[in-house]
Amino acid sequence: MKKNKPKVVYKEDDGRTIYSMAGLEGKTPEELEERDRQRKNAVKVSRKERRAMIAAAFQVYGPILLIILVAFSLAAVIVYLLLT
């Protein structure tokens, strides 16, 4: 004789959301709270201010980058001359 399984009765979906899971994959509650705090304390910067900050960064780090590139090139030339 086969045993009849009890029929499962589902309650009708009323459309309520207990907790939205949108974009929460792999996040802990602490990480979500920290993200919300960071968004709340974020500084709003205009386009003009952002461009000024980028220009200032290039003015500060540009010469350092050029010095490093020149030193590397000089070292490469010296190594080339010594090996030939």
C-alpha atoms as a PDB file:
ATOM      1  CA  MET A   1       0.000   0.000   0.000  1.00  0.00           C
ATOM      2  CA  LYS A   2       1.154   3.497  -0.807  1.00  0.00           C
ATOM      3  CA  LYS A   3       1.122   6.085   1.900  1.00  0.00           C
ATOM      4  CA  ASN A   4      -0.486   9.315   0.878  1.00  0.00           C
ATOM      5  CA  LYS A   5       1.662  12.357   1.558  1.00  0.00           C
ATOM      6  CA  PRO A   6      -0.113  15.196   3.289  1.00  0.00           C
ATOM      7  CA  LYS A   7      -0.924  17.974   0.867  1.00  0.00           C
ATOM      8  CA  VAL A   8       1.054  21.165   1.550  1.00  0.00           C
ATOM      9  CA  VAL A   9      -1.067  24.266   1.767  1.00  0.00           C
ATOM     10  CA  TYR A  10       0.722  27.531   1.081  1.00  0.00           C
ATOM     11  CA  LYS A  11      -0.534  30.800   2.453  1.00  0.00           C
ATOM     12  CA  GLU A  12      -1.289  33.411  -0.130  1.00  0.00           C
ATOM     13  CA  ASP A  13       1.459  35.965  -0.703  1.00  0.00           C
ATOM     14  CA  ASP A  14       0.264  39.332   0.525  1.00  0.00           C
ATOM     15  CA  GLY A  15       3.244  41.264  -0.915  1.00  0.00           C
ATOM     16  CA  ARG A  16       4.808  42.341   2.373  1.00  0.00           C
ATOM     17  CA  THR A  17       8.580  42.394   2.647  1.00  0.00           C
ATOM     18  CA  ILE A  18      10.070  41.446   5.975  1.00  0.00           C
ATOM     19  CA  TYR A  19      13.620  42.470   5.025  1.00  0.00           C
ATOM     20  CA  SER A  20      14.927  43.518   1.641  1.00  0.00           C
ATOM     21  CA  MET A  21      17.764  41.300   0.428  1.00  0.00           C
ATOM     22  CA  ALA A  22      18.694  43.451  -2.552  1.00  0.00           C
ATOM     23  CA  GLY A  23      22.464  43.786  -2.839  1.00  0.00           C
ATOM     24  CA  LEU A  24      23.267  41.996   0.416  1.00  0.00           C
ATOM     25  CA  GLU A  25      24.979  38.875  -0.876  1.00  0.00           C
ATOM     26  CA  GLY A  26      27.948  38.008   1.322  1.00  0.00           C
ATOM     27  CA  LYS A  27      27.546  40.975   3.685  1.00  0.00           C
ATOM     28  CA  THR A  28      27.378  40.749   7.449  1.00  0.00           C
ATOM     29  CA  PRO A  29      25.149  43.118   9.420  1.00  0.00           C
ATOM     30  CA  GLU A  30      28.241  44.884  10.769  1.00  0.00           C
ATOM     31  CA  GLU A  31      29.554  45.496   7.243  1.00  0.00           C
ATOM     32  CA  LEU A  32      26.176  46.899   6.198  1.00  0.00           C
ATOM     33  CA  GLU A  33      26.063  49.244   9.194  1.00  0.00           C
ATOM     34  CA  GLU A  34      29.614  50.429   8.453  1.00  0.00           C
ATOM     35  CA  ARG A  35      28.688  51.034   4.799  1.00  0.00           C
ATOM     36  CA  ASP A  36      25.668  53.079   5.868  1.00  0.00           C
ATOM     37  CA  ARG A  37      27.807  55.125   8.293  1.00  0.00           C
ATOM     38  CA  GLN A  38      30.388  55.809   5.575  1.00  0.00           C
ATOM     39  CA  ARG A  39      27.699  56.910   3.127  1.00  0.00           C
ATOM     40  CA  LYS A  40      26.182  59.200   5.746  1.00  0.00           C
ATOM     41  CA  ASN A  41      29.562  60.817   6.537  1.00  0.00           C
ATOM     42  CA  ALA A  42      30.725  61.041   2.912  1.00  0.00           C
ATOM     43  CA  VAL A  43      31.918  64.436   1.723  1.00  0.00           C
ATOM     44  CA  LYS A  44      30.114  65.883  -1.252  1.00  0.00           C
ATOM     45  CA  VAL A  45      32.594  67.332  -3.748  1.00  0.00           C
ATOM     46  CA  SER A  46      31.688  69.358  -6.802  1.00  0.00           C
ATOM     47  CA  ARG A  47      33.176  68.678 -10.223  1.00  0.00           C
ATOM     48  CA  LYS A  48      35.354  71.796 -10.022  1.00  0.00           C
ATOM     49  CA  GLU A  49      36.715  70.802  -6.595  1.00  0.00           C
ATOM     50  CA  ARG A  50      37.402  67.237  -7.768  1.00  0.00           C
ATOM     51  CA  ARG A  51      39.374  68.495 -10.771  1.00  0.00           C
ATOM     52  CA  ALA A  52      41.347  70.843  -8.512  1.00  0.00           C
ATOM     53  CA  MET A  53      42.217  67.944  -6.199  1.00  0.00           C
ATOM     54  CA  ILE A  54      43.370  65.785  -9.126  1.00  0.00           C
ATOM     55  CA  ALA A  55      45.482  68.633 -10.526  1.00  0.00           C
ATOM     56  CA  ALA A  56      47.088  69.180  -7.117  1.00  0.00           C
ATOM     57  CA  ALA A  57      47.880  65.472  -6.846  1.00  0.00           C
ATOM     58  CA  PHE A  58      49.559  65.529 -10.275  1.00  0.00           C
ATOM     59  CA  GLN A  59      51.579  68.597  -9.270  1.00  0.00           C
ATOM     60  CA  VAL A  60      52.806  66.856  -6.122  1.00  0.00           C
ATOM     61  CA  TYR A  61      53.375  63.336  -7.455  1.00  0.00           C
ATOM     62  CA  GLY A  62      54.326  64.195 -11.049  1.00  0.00           C
ATOM     63  CA  PRO A  63      57.914  65.255 -10.328  1.00  0.00           C
ATOM     64  CA  ILE A  64      58.441  62.231  -8.066  1.00  0.00           C
ATOM     65  CA  LEU A  65      57.196  59.929 -10.835  1.00  0.00           C
ATOM     66  CA  LEU A  66      59.478  61.595 -13.382  1.00  0.00           C
ATOM     67  CA  ILE A  67      62.501  61.244 -11.064  1.00  0.00           C
ATOM     68  CA  ILE A  68      61.770  57.536 -10.596  1.00  0.00           C
ATOM     69  CA  LEU A  69      61.378  57.001 -14.371  1.00  0.00           C
ATOM     70  CA  VAL A  70      64.618  58.867 -15.139  1.00  0.00           C
ATOM     71  CA  ALA A  71      66.504  56.909 -12.454  1.00  0.00           C
ATOM     72  CA  PHE A  72      65.162  53.595 -13.784  1.00  0.00           C
ATOM     73  CA  SER A  73      66.073  54.548 -17.337  1.00  0.00           C
ATOM     74  CA  LEU A  74      69.560  55.601 -16.268  1.00  0.00           C
ATOM     75  CA  ALA A  75      70.036  52.310 -14.412  1.00  0.00           C
ATOM     76  CA  ALA A  76      68.845  50.375 -17.471  1.00  0.00           C
ATOM     77  CA  VAL A  77      71.302  52.240 -19.736  1.00  0.00           C
ATOM     78  CA  ILE A  78      74.191  51.608 -17.323  1.00  0.00           C
ATOM     79  CA  VAL A  79      73.343  47.891 -17.116  1.00  0.00           C
ATOM     80  CA  TYR A  80      73.091  47.721 -20.915  1.00  0.00           C
ATOM     81  CA  LEU A  81      76.500  49.374 -21.328  1.00  0.00           C
ATOM     82  CA  LEU A  82      78.122  47.094 -18.765  1.00  0.00           C
ATOM     83  CA  LEU A  83      76.744  43.930 -20.359  1.00  0.00           C
ATOM     84  CA  THR A  84      77.757  44.795 -23.925  1.00  0.00           C
END
